[in-house]
C-alpha atoms as a PDB file:
ATOM      1  CA  MET A   1       0.000   0.000   0.000  1.00  0.00           C
ATOM      2  CA  PRO A   2       1.463   3.393  -0.900  1.00  0.00           C
ATOM      3  CA  ILE A   3       2.084   5.787   1.960  1.00  0.00           C
ATOM      4  CA  LEU A   4       2.803   9.501   1.976  1.00  0.00           C
ATOM      5  CA  GLY A   5       6.401  10.575   2.480  1.00  0.00           C
ATOM      6  CA  PRO A   6       7.878  13.933   3.464  1.00  0.00           C
ATOM      7  CA  ASN A   7       5.946  16.860   2.043  1.00  0.00           C
ATOM      8  CA  GLN A   8       5.714  20.626   2.228  1.00  0.00           C
ATOM      9  CA  TYR A   9       3.889  23.466   0.564  1.00  0.00           C
ATOM     10  CA  GLY A  10       3.955  27.246   0.461  1.00  0.00           C
ATOM     11  CA  LYS A  11       4.391  30.300  -1.733  1.00  0.00           C
ATOM     12  CA  ALA A  12       7.642  30.747  -3.629  1.00  0.00           C
ATOM     13  CA  GLU A  13       9.407  33.913  -4.786  1.00  0.00           C
ATOM     14  CA  ASN A  14       7.316  36.631  -3.186  1.00  0.00           C
ATOM     15  CA  ARG A  15       9.011  39.840  -4.321  1.00  0.00           C
ATOM     16  CA  VAL A  16       8.729  42.542  -1.689  1.00  0.00           C
ATOM     17  CA  VAL A  17      10.386  45.972  -1.697  1.00  0.00           C
ATOM     18  CA  LYS A  18      10.209  47.951   1.550  1.00  0.00           C
ATOM     19  CA  ILE A  19      10.918  51.689   1.507  1.00  0.00           C
ATOM     20  CA  THR A  20      11.744  53.240   4.869  1.00  0.00           C
ATOM     21  CA  ARG A  21      11.280  56.998   4.735  1.00  0.00           C
ATOM     22  CA  ASP A  22      13.523  58.900   7.117  1.00  0.00           C
ATOM     23  CA  GLY A  23      12.466  62.389   6.111  1.00  0.00           C
ATOM     24  CA  ALA A  24      13.968  63.108   2.728  1.00  0.00           C
ATOM     25  CA  THR A  25      16.352  60.145   3.093  1.00  0.00           C
ATOM     26  CA  HIS A  26      14.973  56.782   2.000  1.00  0.00           C
ATOM     27  CA  HIS A  27      16.267  53.254   2.666  1.00  0.00           C
ATOM     28  CA  ILE A  28      15.504  50.161   0.551  1.00  0.00           C
ATOM     29  CA  ARG A  29      15.271  46.456   1.396  1.00  0.00           C
ATOM     30  CA  ASP A  30      14.533  44.419  -1.746  1.00  0.00           C
ATOM     31  CA  LEU A  31      13.751  40.751  -1.047  1.00  0.00           C
ATOM     32  CA  ASN A  32      12.628  37.573  -2.764  1.00  0.00           C
ATOM     33  CA  VAL A  33      10.917  35.441  -0.078  1.00  0.00           C
ATOM     34  CA  SER A  34       9.920  31.768  -0.370  1.00  0.00           C
ATOM     35  CA  VAL A  35       7.903  30.079   2.396  1.00  0.00           C
ATOM     36  CA  SER A  36       7.525  26.302   2.856  1.00  0.00           C
ATOM     37  CA  LEU A  37       5.316  24.766   5.544  1.00  0.00           C
ATOM     38  CA  SER A  38       4.990  21.163   6.731  1.00  0.00           C
ATOM     39  CA  GLY A  39       3.131  19.303   9.458  1.00  0.00           C
ATOM     40  CA  ASP A  40      -0.198  17.486   9.787  1.00  0.00           C
ATOM     41  CA  MET A  41      -1.000  17.431   6.087  1.00  0.00           C
ATOM     42  CA  ASP A  42      -1.833  13.780   5.414  1.00  0.00           C
ATOM     43  CA  GLU A  43      -5.558  14.255   4.749  1.00  0.00           C
ATOM     44  CA  VAL A  44      -5.158  16.916   2.093  1.00  0.00           C
ATOM     45  CA  HIS A  45      -3.076  14.409   0.130  1.00  0.00           C
ATOM     46  CA  TYR A  46      -5.214  11.329   0.808  1.00  0.00           C
ATOM     47  CA  SER A  47      -8.742  12.764   0.628  1.00  0.00           C
ATOM     48  CA  GLY A  48      -8.371  16.329  -0.562  1.00  0.00           C
ATOM     49  CA  SER A  49      -9.581  17.762   2.765  1.00  0.00           C
ATOM     50  CA  ASN A  50      -8.250  21.296   3.212  1.00  0.00           C
ATOM     51  CA  ALA A  51      -9.166  21.491   6.897  1.00  0.00           C
ATOM     52  CA  HIS A  52      -5.498  21.892   7.941  1.00  0.00           C
ATOM     53  CA  VAL A  53      -4.336  23.878   4.932  1.00  0.00           C
ATOM     54  CA  LEU A  54      -3.414  27.527   5.262  1.00  0.00           C
ATOM     55  CA  PRO A  55      -3.754  28.846   1.691  1.00  0.00           C
ATOM     56  CA  THR A  56      -0.521  29.692  -0.067  1.00  0.00           C
ATOM     57  CA  ASP A  57      -2.139  33.020  -0.950  1.00  0.00           C
ATOM     58  CA  THR A  58      -2.281  33.712   2.785  1.00  0.00           C
ATOM     59  CA  THR A  59       1.436  33.073   3.131  1.00  0.00           C
ATOM     60  CA  LYS A  60       2.009  35.590   0.331  1.00  0.00           C
ATOM     61  CA  ASN A  61      -0.176  38.166   2.055  1.00  0.00           C
ATOM     62  CA  THR A  62       1.649  37.580   5.339  1.00  0.00           C
ATOM     63  CA  VAL A  63       4.979  38.429   3.722  1.00  0.00           C
ATOM     64  CA  TYR A  64       3.684  41.824   2.594  1.00  0.00           C
ATOM     65  CA  ALA A  65       1.805  42.561   5.813  1.00  0.00           C
ATOM     66  CA  PHE A  66       4.867  41.722   7.920  1.00  0.00           C
ATOM     67  CA  ALA A  67       7.013  44.024   5.773  1.00  0.00           C
ATOM     68  CA  LYS A  68       4.705  46.815   6.918  1.00  0.00           C
ATOM     69  CA  GLU A  69       4.069  45.696  10.514  1.00  0.00           C
ATOM     70  CA  HIS A  70       7.573  44.552  11.460  1.00  0.00           C
ATOM     71  CA  GLY A  71       9.730  46.252   8.847  1.00  0.00           C
ATOM     72  CA  ILE A  72      12.770  44.499   7.401  1.00  0.00           C
ATOM     73  CA  ASP A  73      15.759  44.968   9.680  1.00  0.00           C
ATOM     74  CA  SER A  74      17.647  42.144   7.940  1.00  0.00           C
ATOM     75  CA  PRO A  75      16.784  39.092   5.824  1.00  0.00           C
ATOM     76  CA  GLU A  76      17.476  36.857   8.828  1.00  0.00           C
ATOM     77  CA  GLN A  77      15.241  38.753  11.254  1.00  0.00           C
ATOM     78  CA  PHE A  78      12.434  39.007   8.706  1.00  0.00           C
ATOM     79  CA  GLY A  79      12.625  35.241   8.130  1.00  0.00           C
ATOM     80  CA  ILE A  80      12.543  34.626  11.897  1.00  0.00           C
ATOM     81  CA  HIS A  81       9.388  36.746  12.283  1.00  0.00           C
ATOM     82  CA  LEU A  82       7.661  34.817   9.498  1.00  0.00           C
ATOM     83  CA  ALA A  83       8.720  31.337  10.619  1.00  0.00           C
ATOM     84  CA  ARG A  84       7.655  31.972  14.223  1.00  0.00           C
ATOM     85  CA  HIS A  85       4.281  33.305  13.048  1.00  0.00           C
ATOM     86  CA  PHE A  86       3.415  30.285  10.889  1.00  0.00           C
ATOM     87  CA  VAL A  87       4.440  27.640  13.455  1.00  0.00           C
ATOM     88  CA  ALA A  88       2.924  29.389  16.490  1.00  0.00           C
ATOM     89  CA  GLY A  89      -0.239  30.486  14.691  1.00  0.00           C
ATOM     90  CA  GLN A  90      -1.395  27.154  13.181  1.00  0.00           C
ATOM     91  CA  ASP A  91      -1.636  23.900  15.153  1.00  0.00           C
ATOM     92  CA  ALA A  92      -1.305  21.806  11.991  1.00  0.00           C
ATOM     93  CA  ILE A  93       1.951  23.489  10.942  1.00  0.00           C
ATOM     94  CA  HIS A  94       4.928  21.946  12.732  1.00  0.00           C
ATOM     95  CA  ARG A  95       7.815  23.335  10.704  1.00  0.00           C
ATOM     96  CA  ALA A  96       8.405  26.446   8.626  1.00  0.00           C
ATOM     97  CA  ARG A  97      11.287  27.139   6.303  1.00  0.00           C
ATOM     98  CA  VAL A  98      11.774  30.654   4.958  1.00  0.00           C
ATOM     99  CA  ARG A  99      14.308  31.347   2.230  1.00  0.00           C
ATOM    100  CA  VAL A 100      15.269  34.919   1.404  1.00  0.00           C
ATOM    101  CA  GLU A 101      17.344  36.485  -1.344  1.00  0.00           C
ATOM    102  CA  GLU A 102      18.245  40.154  -0.957  1.00  0.00           C
ATOM    103  CA  TYR A 103      19.138  42.423  -3.868  1.00  0.00           C
ATOM    104  CA  ALA A 104      21.285  45.365  -2.852  1.00  0.00           C
ATOM    105  CA  TRP A 105      20.879  48.960  -3.964  1.00  0.00           C
ATOM    106  CA  GLU A 106      23.437  51.756  -3.791  1.00  0.00           C
ATOM    107  CA  ARG A 107      22.512  55.350  -3.174  1.00  0.00           C
ATOM    108  CA  ILE A 108      23.175  57.774  -6.033  1.00  0.00           C
ATOM    109  CA  GLU A 109      24.800  60.835  -4.574  1.00  0.00           C
ATOM    110  CA  HIS A 110      23.373  64.003  -6.064  1.00  0.00           C
ATOM    111  CA  SER A 111      22.502  67.582  -5.136  1.00  0.00           C
ATOM    112  CA  GLY A 112      18.748  67.244  -5.548  1.00  0.00           C
ATOM    113  CA  ARG A 113      15.967  67.541  -3.000  1.00  0.00           C
ATOM    114  CA  GLY A 114      16.607  64.307  -1.128  1.00  0.00           C
ATOM    115  CA  ALA A 115      18.506  61.031  -0.823  1.00  0.00           C
ATOM    116  CA  HIS A 116      16.049  58.861  -2.677  1.00  0.00           C
ATOM    117  CA  SER A 117      17.834  57.808  -5.870  1.00  0.00           C
ATOM    118  CA  PHE A 118      19.448  54.380  -6.165  1.00  0.00           C
ATOM    119  CA  VAL A 119      21.301  52.132  -8.589  1.00  0.00           C
ATOM    120  CA  ARG A 120      21.173  48.354  -8.347  1.00  0.00           C
ATOM    121  CA  LYS A 121      24.487  46.996  -7.072  1.00  0.00           C
ATOM    122  CA  GLY A 122      26.087  44.566  -9.475  1.00  0.00           C
ATOM    123  CA  GLN A 123      27.878  42.323  -7.010  1.00  0.00           C
ATOM    124  CA  GLU A 124      26.528  39.375  -5.072  1.00  0.00           C
ATOM    125  CA  THR A 125      23.035  38.327  -4.037  1.00  0.00           C
ATOM    126  CA  ARG A 126      22.617  37.917  -0.283  1.00  0.00           C
ATOM    127  CA  LEU A 127      20.831  34.780   0.938  1.00  0.00           C
ATOM    128  CA  THR A 128      19.345  33.355   4.104  1.00  0.00           C
ATOM    129  CA  GLN A 129      17.285  30.347   5.145  1.00  0.00           C
ATOM    130  CA  VAL A 130      15.439  30.251   8.474  1.00  0.00           C
ATOM    131  CA  THR A 131      13.980  26.959   9.721  1.00  0.00           C
ATOM    132  CA  HIS A 132      11.793  26.707  12.843  1.00  0.00           C
ATOM    133  CA  ASP A 133       9.956  23.738  14.358  1.00  0.00           C
ATOM    134  CA  GLY A 134       8.382  25.441  17.366  1.00  0.00           C
ATOM    135  CA  SER A 135      11.302  24.886  19.729  1.00  0.00           C
ATOM    136  CA  SER A 136      14.582  25.250  17.839  1.00  0.00           C
ATOM    137  CA  TRP A 137      15.961  27.414  15.067  1.00  0.00           C
ATOM    138  CA  GLU A 138      18.474  26.999  12.280  1.00  0.00           C
ATOM    139  CA  VAL A 139      19.732  30.040  10.417  1.00  0.00           C
ATOM    140  CA  VAL A 140      21.939  29.578   7.359  1.00  0.00           C
ATOM    141  CA  SER A 141      23.008  32.678   5.466  1.00  0.00           C
ATOM    142  CA  GLY A 142      25.269  33.253   2.512  1.00  0.00           C
ATOM    143  CA  LEU A 143      25.799  34.772  -0.890  1.00  0.00           C
ATOM    144  CA  LYS A 144      26.017  33.821  -4.545  1.00  0.00           C
ATOM    145  CA  ASP A 145      27.379  35.303  -7.776  1.00  0.00           C
ATOM    146  CA  LEU A 146      30.284  37.114  -6.114  1.00  0.00           C
ATOM    147  CA  THR A 147      32.862  37.136  -8.931  1.00  0.00           C
ATOM    148  CA  VAL A 148      36.487  37.517  -7.825  1.00  0.00           C
ATOM    149  CA  MET A 149      39.840  37.337  -9.612  1.00  0.00           C
ATOM    150  CA  ASN A 150      43.537  37.314  -8.762  1.00  0.00           C
ATOM    151  CA  SER A 151      45.629  38.249 -11.797  1.00  0.00           C
ATOM    152  CA  THR A 152      48.754  36.674 -10.252  1.00  0.00           C
ATOM    153  CA  ASP A 153      49.942  34.884  -7.071  1.00  0.00           C
ATOM    154  CA  SER A 154      48.352  31.656  -8.297  1.00  0.00           C
ATOM    155  CA  GLU A 155      49.925  28.511  -9.717  1.00  0.00           C
ATOM    156  CA  PHE A 156      48.970  24.918 -10.503  1.00  0.00           C
ATOM    157  CA  ARG A 157      51.811  22.410 -10.575  1.00  0.00           C
ATOM    158  CA  GLY A 158      52.836  18.985  -9.319  1.00  0.00           C
ATOM    159  CA  TYR A 159      49.543  17.248 -10.073  1.00  0.00           C
ATOM    160  CA  VAL A 160      48.979  13.608 -11.028  1.00  0.00           C
ATOM    161  CA  ARG A 161      49.455  12.764 -14.705  1.00  0.00           C
ATOM    162  CA  ASP A 162      48.105   9.857 -16.692  1.00  0.00           C
ATOM    163  CA  ALA A 163      47.775   8.925 -20.362  1.00  0.00           C
ATOM    164  CA  TYR A 164      45.112  11.560 -20.935  1.00  0.00           C
ATOM    165  CA  THR A 165      46.778  14.507 -19.212  1.00  0.00           C
ATOM    166  CA  THR A 166      47.625  17.361 -21.565  1.00  0.00           C
ATOM    167  CA  LEU A 167      47.359  20.381 -19.254  1.00  0.00           C
ATOM    168  CA  PRO A 168      50.692  22.208 -18.934  1.00  0.00           C
ATOM    169  CA  GLU A 169      51.836  23.285 -15.501  1.00  0.00           C
ATOM    170  CA  ALA A 170      51.325  26.952 -14.651  1.00  0.00           C
ATOM    171  CA  SER A 171      53.619  28.876 -12.331  1.00  0.00           C
ATOM    172  CA  ASP A 172      51.748  32.177 -12.766  1.00  0.00           C
ATOM    173  CA  ARG A 173      48.096  32.120 -13.714  1.00  0.00           C
ATOM    174  CA  ILE A 174      44.816  33.975 -13.316  1.00  0.00           C
ATOM    175  CA  LEU A 175      42.621  32.593 -10.525  1.00  0.00           C
ATOM    176  CA  ALA A 176      38.963  33.544 -10.899  1.00  0.00           C
ATOM    177  CA  THR A 177      35.705  32.162  -9.503  1.00  0.00           C
ATOM    178  CA  ASP A 178      32.064  32.947  -8.769  1.00  0.00           C
ATOM    179  CA  VAL A 179      31.776  32.463  -5.023  1.00  0.00           C
ATOM    180  CA  SER A 180      28.709  30.643  -3.749  1.00  0.00           C
ATOM    181  CA  ALA A 181      28.919  30.353   0.037  1.00  0.00           C
ATOM    182  CA  ARG A 182      26.636  29.435   2.924  1.00  0.00           C
ATOM    183  CA  TRP A 183      27.383  29.720   6.617  1.00  0.00           C
ATOM    184  CA  ARG A 184      25.468  28.255   9.559  1.00  0.00           C
ATOM    185  CA  PHE A 185      25.044  30.210  12.764  1.00  0.00           C
ATOM    186  CA  GLY A 186      25.476  28.655  16.187  1.00  0.00           C
ATOM    187  CA  TRP A 187      22.440  30.615  17.409  1.00  0.00           C
ATOM    188  CA  SER A 188      19.451  28.320  17.686  1.00  0.00           C
ATOM    189  CA  ASP A 189      16.836  29.426  20.188  1.00  0.00           C
ATOM    190  CA  ASP A 190      16.599  32.844  21.852  1.00  0.00           C
ATOM    191  CA  ALA A 191      15.893  35.787  19.538  1.00  0.00           C
ATOM    192  CA  ASP A 192      17.105  38.210  22.234  1.00  0.00           C
ATOM    193  CA  ASP A 193      20.608  36.760  21.907  1.00  0.00           C
ATOM    194  CA  ALA A 194      20.646  36.717  18.112  1.00  0.00           C
ATOM    195  CA  PRO A 195      23.650  38.126  16.254  1.00  0.00           C
ATOM    196  CA  ASP A 196      23.608  41.489  14.539  1.00  0.00           C
ATOM    197  CA  TRP A 197      22.723  39.909  11.193  1.00  0.00           C
ATOM    198  CA  ASP A 198      23.719  42.813   8.943  1.00  0.00           C
ATOM    199  CA  ALA A 199      27.037  43.380  10.710  1.00  0.00           C
ATOM    200  CA  SER A 200      27.793  39.653  10.642  1.00  0.00           C
ATOM    201  CA  TYR A 201      27.118  39.452   6.905  1.00  0.00           C
ATOM    202  CA  ALA A 202      29.395  42.405   6.177  1.00  0.00           C
ATOM    203  CA  GLN A 203      32.186  40.966   8.323  1.00  0.00           C
ATOM    204  CA  VAL A 204      31.938  37.467   6.835  1.00  0.00           C
ATOM    205  CA  LYS A 205      32.035  38.840   3.313  1.00  0.00           C
ATOM    206  CA  GLY A 206      34.994  41.029   4.249  1.00  0.00           C
ATOM    207  CA  HIS A 207      36.976  38.097   5.671  1.00  0.00           C
ATOM    208  CA  LEU A 208      36.140  36.004   2.619  1.00  0.00           C
ATOM    209  CA  LEU A 209      37.409  38.664   0.221  1.00  0.00           C
ATOM    210  CA  ARG A 210      40.501  39.477   2.256  1.00  0.00           C
ATOM    211  CA  SER A 211      41.503  35.833   2.460  1.00  0.00           C
ATOM    212  CA  PHE A 212      41.028  35.394  -1.289  1.00  0.00           C
ATOM    213  CA  ALA A 213      43.227  38.437  -1.937  1.00  0.00           C
ATOM    214  CA  GLU A 214      45.954  37.562   0.567  1.00  0.00           C
ATOM    215  CA  THR A 215      46.370  33.818  -0.061  1.00  0.00           C
ATOM    216  CA  TYR A 216      49.122  32.755  -2.443  1.00  0.00           C
ATOM    217  CA  SER A 217      47.219  29.975  -4.171  1.00  0.00           C
ATOM    218  CA  ARG A 218      48.697  26.650  -5.247  1.00  0.00           C
ATOM    219  CA  SER A 219      45.196  25.305  -5.857  1.00  0.00           C
ATOM    220  CA  LEU A 220      41.639  26.595  -5.667  1.00  0.00           C
ATOM    221  CA  GLN A 221      41.076  24.031  -2.899  1.00  0.00           C
ATOM    222  CA  GLN A 222      43.740  25.738  -0.793  1.00  0.00           C
ATOM    223  CA  THR A 223      42.100  29.121  -1.351  1.00  0.00           C
ATOM    224  CA  LEU A 224      38.665  27.721  -0.443  1.00  0.00           C
ATOM    225  CA  TYR A 225      39.958  26.340   2.847  1.00  0.00           C
ATOM    226  CA  ALA A 226      41.772  29.596   3.659  1.00  0.00           C
ATOM    227  CA  MET A 227      38.569  31.592   3.164  1.00  0.00           C
ATOM    228  CA  GLY A 228      36.513  29.254   5.338  1.00  0.00           C
ATOM    229  CA  ALA A 229      39.165  29.010   8.045  1.00  0.00           C
ATOM    230  CA  ARG A 230      39.445  32.775   8.305  1.00  0.00           C
ATOM    231  CA  ILE A 231      35.675  33.093   8.759  1.00  0.00           C
ATOM    232  CA  ILE A 232      35.612  30.395  11.472  1.00  0.00           C
ATOM    233  CA  ASP A 233      38.620  31.953  13.232  1.00  0.00           C
ATOM    234  CA  HIS A 234      37.230  35.495  13.231  1.00  0.00           C
ATOM    235  CA  ARG A 235      33.461  35.066  13.577  1.00  0.00           C
ATOM    236  CA  GLU A 236      32.505  33.155  16.712  1.00  0.00           C
ATOM    237  CA  GLU A 237      28.814  33.109  15.734  1.00  0.00           C
ATOM    238  CA  ILE A 238      29.574  30.902  12.683  1.00  0.00           C
ATOM    239  CA  ASP A 239      29.956  27.106  13.081  1.00  0.00           C
ATOM    240  CA  GLU A 240      30.060  25.922   9.463  1.00  0.00           C
ATOM    241  CA  VAL A 241      30.904  27.383   6.059  1.00  0.00           C
ATOM    242  CA  ARG A 242      30.290  25.631   2.749  1.00  0.00           C
ATOM    243  CA  PHE A 243      31.643  26.819  -0.593  1.00  0.00           C
ATOM    244  CA  SER A 244      30.956  25.965  -4.203  1.00  0.00           C
ATOM    245  CA  LEU A 245      33.632  27.514  -6.425  1.00  0.00           C
ATOM    246  CA  PRO A 246      33.664  27.097 -10.191  1.00  0.00           C
ATOM    247  CA  ASN A 247      37.139  27.597 -11.592  1.00  0.00           C
ATOM    248  CA  LYS A 248      36.683  30.304 -14.236  1.00  0.00           C
ATOM    249  CA  HIS A 249      39.522  29.240 -16.507  1.00  0.00           C
ATOM    250  CA  HIS A 250      41.674  31.795 -18.322  1.00  0.00           C
ATOM    251  CA  PHE A 251      44.036  30.420 -20.946  1.00  0.00           C
ATOM    252  CA  LEU A 252      46.993  32.255 -22.428  1.00  0.00           C
ATOM    253  CA  VAL A 253      46.396  33.014 -26.112  1.00  0.00           C
ATOM    254  CA  ASP A 254      49.081  31.826 -28.515  1.00  0.00           C
ATOM    255  CA  LEU A 255      50.220  35.036 -30.253  1.00  0.00           C
ATOM    256  CA  ALA A 256      53.298  33.474 -31.872  1.00  0.00           C
ATOM    257  CA  PRO A 257      51.618  33.171 -35.312  1.00  0.00           C
ATOM    258  CA  PHE A 258      51.468  36.958 -35.325  1.00  0.00           C
ATOM    259  CA  GLY A 259      55.089  37.403 -34.276  1.00  0.00           C
ATOM    260  CA  LEU A 260      54.015  38.542 -30.814  1.00  0.00           C
ATOM    261  CA  LYS A 261      55.121  37.389 -27.379  1.00  0.00           C
ATOM    262  CA  ASN A 262      52.410  36.835 -24.784  1.00  0.00           C
ATOM    263  CA  ASP A 263      54.020  37.615 -21.439  1.00  0.00           C
ATOM    264  CA  ASN A 264      50.998  36.686 -19.256  1.00  0.00           C
ATOM    265  CA  GLU A 265      49.026  39.558 -20.749  1.00  0.00           C
ATOM    266  CA  VAL A 266      46.337  38.243 -23.119  1.00  0.00           C
ATOM    267  CA  TYR A 267      43.965  35.454 -22.063  1.00  0.00           C
ATOM    268  CA  LEU A 268      40.959  33.614 -23.396  1.00  0.00           C
ATOM    269  CA  ALA A 269      38.189  33.510 -20.777  1.00  0.00           C
ATOM    270  CA  ALA A 270      36.446  30.116 -21.069  1.00  0.00           C
ATOM    271  CA  ASP A 271      33.012  29.753 -19.505  1.00  0.00           C
ATOM    272  CA  ARG A 272      32.716  25.953 -19.929  1.00  0.00           C
ATOM    273  CA  PRO A 273      33.594  23.297 -19.170  1.00  0.00           C
ATOM    274  CA  TYR A 274      34.833  24.417 -15.776  1.00  0.00           C
ATOM    275  CA  GLY A 275      36.345  22.819 -12.712  1.00  0.00           C
ATOM    276  CA  LEU A 276      33.993  22.819  -9.730  1.00  0.00           C
ATOM    277  CA  ILE A 277      35.541  22.863  -6.259  1.00  0.00           C
ATOM    278  CA  GLU A 278      33.261  22.283  -3.253  1.00  0.00           C
ATOM    279  CA  ALA A 279      34.006  21.765   0.432  1.00  0.00           C
ATOM    280  CA  THR A 280      32.882  22.550   3.970  1.00  0.00           C
ATOM    281  CA  VAL A 281      34.978  24.146   6.707  1.00  0.00           C
ATOM    282  CA  LEU A 282      33.768  23.438  10.252  1.00  0.00           C
ATOM    283  CA  ARG A 283      34.422  24.643  13.754  1.00  0.00           C
ATOM    284  CA  ASP A 284      36.102  21.815  15.659  1.00  0.00           C
ATOM    285  CA  GLY A 285      33.468  19.596  17.265  1.00  0.00           C
ATOM    286  CA  GLN A 286      30.711  20.511  14.797  1.00  0.00           C
ATOM    287  CA  GLU A 287      29.048  18.265  12.233  1.00  0.00           C
ATOM    288  CA  ALA A 288      28.300  19.340   8.664  1.00  0.00           C
ATOM    289  CA  ARG A 289      24.608  20.181   8.168  1.00  0.00           C
ATOM    290  CA  ILE A 290      24.558  22.449   5.106  1.00  0.00           C
ATOM    291  CA  PRO A 291      23.432  20.477   2.015  1.00  0.00           C
ATOM    292  CA  ALA A 292      26.153  19.653  -0.471  1.00  0.00           C
ATOM    293  CA  ASP A 293      23.982  21.057  -3.266  1.00  0.00           C
ATOM    294  CA  LEU A 294      23.817  24.748  -2.420  1.00  0.00           C
ATOM    295  CA  THR A 295      20.962  25.297  -4.874  1.00  0.00           C
ATOM    296  CA  HIS A 296      18.737  23.461  -2.399  1.00  0.00           C
ATOM    297  CA  LEU A 297      19.143  26.204   0.165  1.00  0.00           C
END
């Protein structure tokens, strides 16, 4: 006899923009919020009874109402407000997962009437996932699409060779990647003791970038570990960091047919195929809990 397995439902990709008006100065939080709920939902699957089902349209409306009622101090805090509301407000809902992407805007400085003009920042997308089951919390934050490059201080030599190896060793190469990273907070229960989410995000990103810039890289794996280790060493609120780093290959162009010497100056940027380096860096004593496939966060 077939039985029902794990299930969830909700409203995905609710786009909400909150403008906070501080006189003539405005502030923007621009989010993409996805809500998933699970619990006592057997009957809606077996018989079609909606007696325990909170409509997904209601979850959408809650996102917009909470943006007004609670404001958006940070993606993490907004997700916590929502998750607590759904679990505490409905007996049939036992677990809520809220995923948030934030799109950053930069103020355009001008001499007009007020500070209300912005340009979309072209760097990374900020991410968070808040999960609540009525008693405990898990907050995983991160970023994606942060493109970084070192034009030197990177090499790749001494690797294993077999009959199919053609790659020449490189003692001075470009190292470039699109950083996708997630980090899990040690905080798990009391909202009064929660980290300063915005400050933590800025500091983690800063440590990540500084480590990438300062590490002489003999492999992208070494650079990945250095970035994660620096975050763990400097941010006590973080217990786990997981990276997915595509190696954005840059190959020296052969200019000899044109009578020109290419002294590490002209490269072909290849978008595929690409090496994909993934790993987790943990605080000692912790177990890995962030999914290996970061797209599932």
